[in-house]
Protein backbone atom coordinates (compact mmCIF):
# COMPACT_ATOMS: atom_id res chain seq x y z
CA MET A 1 0.00 0.00 0.00
CA GLU A 2 2.91 2.35 0.72
CA GLU A 3 4.16 1.93 -2.86
CA ASN A 4 0.70 2.82 -4.19
CA LYS A 5 0.74 5.95 -2.05
CA ARG A 6 4.20 6.95 -3.28
CA GLU A 7 3.19 6.40 -6.89
CA TRP A 8 -0.07 8.33 -6.45
CA VAL A 9 1.73 11.23 -4.78
CA ASN A 10 4.34 11.34 -7.58
CA HIS A 11 1.61 11.57 -10.21
CA ASN A 12 -0.63 14.06 -8.38
CA ALA A 13 1.61 16.32 -6.28
CA CYS A 14 1.53 19.11 -8.89
CA ARG A 15 -2.23 19.43 -8.37
CA PHE A 16 -1.52 20.51 -4.78
CA CYS A 17 1.17 23.04 -5.72
CA LYS A 18 0.47 26.77 -5.77
CA GLY A 19 2.73 27.07 -8.81
CA SER A 20 0.48 24.85 -10.92
CA ARG A 21 -2.13 27.61 -10.95
CA GLY A 22 0.44 29.91 -12.54
CA HIS A 23 1.67 27.12 -14.82
CA THR A 24 5.21 27.30 -13.45
CA CYS A 25 7.30 25.33 -11.02
CA TYR A 26 9.91 28.02 -10.61
CA GLY A 27 10.29 29.16 -6.99
CA TYR A 28 8.04 26.51 -5.41
CA ASP A 29 9.10 23.63 -3.20
CA CYS A 30 7.68 20.29 -4.33
CA ARG A 31 7.94 18.85 -0.82
CA GLU A 32 5.06 21.00 0.41
CA ALA A 33 2.82 19.82 -2.44
CA ALA A 34 3.89 16.20 -1.92
CA ARG A 35 3.06 16.47 1.79
CA ALA A 36 -0.42 17.86 0.98
CA ALA A 37 -0.98 15.14 -1.63
CA GLY A 38 0.04 12.46 0.89
CA GLU A 39 -2.40 13.81 3.47
CA TYR A 40 -5.16 13.85 0.89
CA PHE A 41 -4.34 10.25 -0.12
CA GLU A 42 -4.56 9.17 3.53
CA SER A 43 -7.96 10.84 3.90
CA LEU A 44 -9.18 8.98 0.80
CA LYS A 45 -7.85 5.71 2.15
CA GLU A 46 -9.67 6.25 5.45
CA ARG A 47 -12.87 7.15 3.65
CA PHE A 48 -12.95 4.00 1.51
CA GLU A 49 -11.20 1.50 3.77
CA PRO A 50 -13.51 -1.30 4.96
CA ARG A 51 -14.22 -1.05 8.68
CA PHE A 52 -12.69 -3.31 11.30
CA LEU A 53 -14.30 -6.73 11.86
CA LEU A 54 -17.24 -6.17 9.50
CA GLU A 55 -18.19 -8.87 7.05
CA LYS A 56 -18.56 -7.89 3.38
CA GLY A 57 -22.27 -8.70 3.58
CA SER A 58 -22.81 -6.18 6.36
CA LEU A 59 -24.83 -3.03 5.60
CA CYS A 60 -22.14 -0.96 7.34
CA TYR A 61 -19.15 -2.52 5.53
CA GLY A 62 -16.88 0.29 4.36
CA CYS A 63 -19.27 3.06 5.35
CA PRO A 64 -17.39 6.26 6.28
CA GLN A 65 -19.91 6.90 9.08
CA TYR A 66 -19.13 3.61 10.85
CA ARG A 67 -16.45 3.82 13.54
CA HIS A 68 -14.94 1.06 15.58
CA TRP A 69 -14.87 1.84 19.28
CA THR A 70 -11.07 1.84 19.49
CA LYS A 71 -10.80 4.13 16.44
CA THR A 72 -13.10 6.82 17.90
CA ASN A 73 -11.39 9.93 19.26
CA ASP A 74 -13.90 10.37 22.09
CA PRO A 75 -14.92 6.93 23.39
CA TYR A 76 -17.13 8.48 26.09
CA TYR A 77 -19.38 10.09 23.49
CA PHE A 78 -21.09 6.75 22.81
CA GLU A 79 -23.04 4.72 25.31
CA GLU A 80 -22.15 1.07 25.58
CA CYS A 81 -25.66 0.16 24.43
CA ASP A 82 -25.00 2.02 21.14
CA MET A 83 -22.26 -0.42 20.15
CA ASP A 84 -23.11 -3.21 17.73
CA GLN A 85 -21.84 -6.78 17.88
CA ASN A 86 -18.62 -5.71 16.13
CA GLY A 87 -17.79 -3.14 18.82
CA GLY A 88 -18.55 -0.19 16.57
CA VAL A 89 -20.98 2.68 16.32
CA CYS A 90 -22.49 4.80 13.55
CA ASP A 91 -21.55 8.49 13.53
CA THR A 92 -24.37 9.62 11.24
CA GLU A 93 -26.83 12.10 12.69
CA GLU A 94 -29.44 11.30 10.06
CA PRO A 95 -31.14 7.89 10.21
CA CYS A 96 -29.83 5.18 7.90
CA PHE A 97 -32.42 2.70 6.64
CA GLY A 98 -31.14 -0.51 5.14
CA GLY A 99 -27.68 0.93 4.52
CA ASN A 100 -28.91 3.73 2.23
CA ARG A 101 -26.37 6.23 3.66
CA ASN A 102 -23.39 3.94 2.97
CA THR A 103 -21.43 5.57 0.12
CA TYR A 104 -18.62 2.99 0.05
CA GLN A 105 -18.06 1.59 -3.42
CA GLU A 106 -16.01 -1.59 -3.62
CA ARG A 107 -13.47 -1.45 -6.43
């Protein structure tokens, strides 16, 4: 996965560079753009990564709103009764019926 990230960053770093808007690389540091591209790649990976311990047949599989208890920043926000059998909770504020809010698309 790290090689995929490196390759993606190499191909897309210019999109995160201020110089690309002026169509020039002169005077801009590529490291800043590469860092921004890497952070964006990580956010994409988190968004589409299947969630911990969920089976592929689960309605919540891969949903960006589903959080495993240990992955949540504030574990006291959720009551223990809110957890499902996988030890996770749903962060959505709007009701989800039959998985209709799950935007995960398996590739």
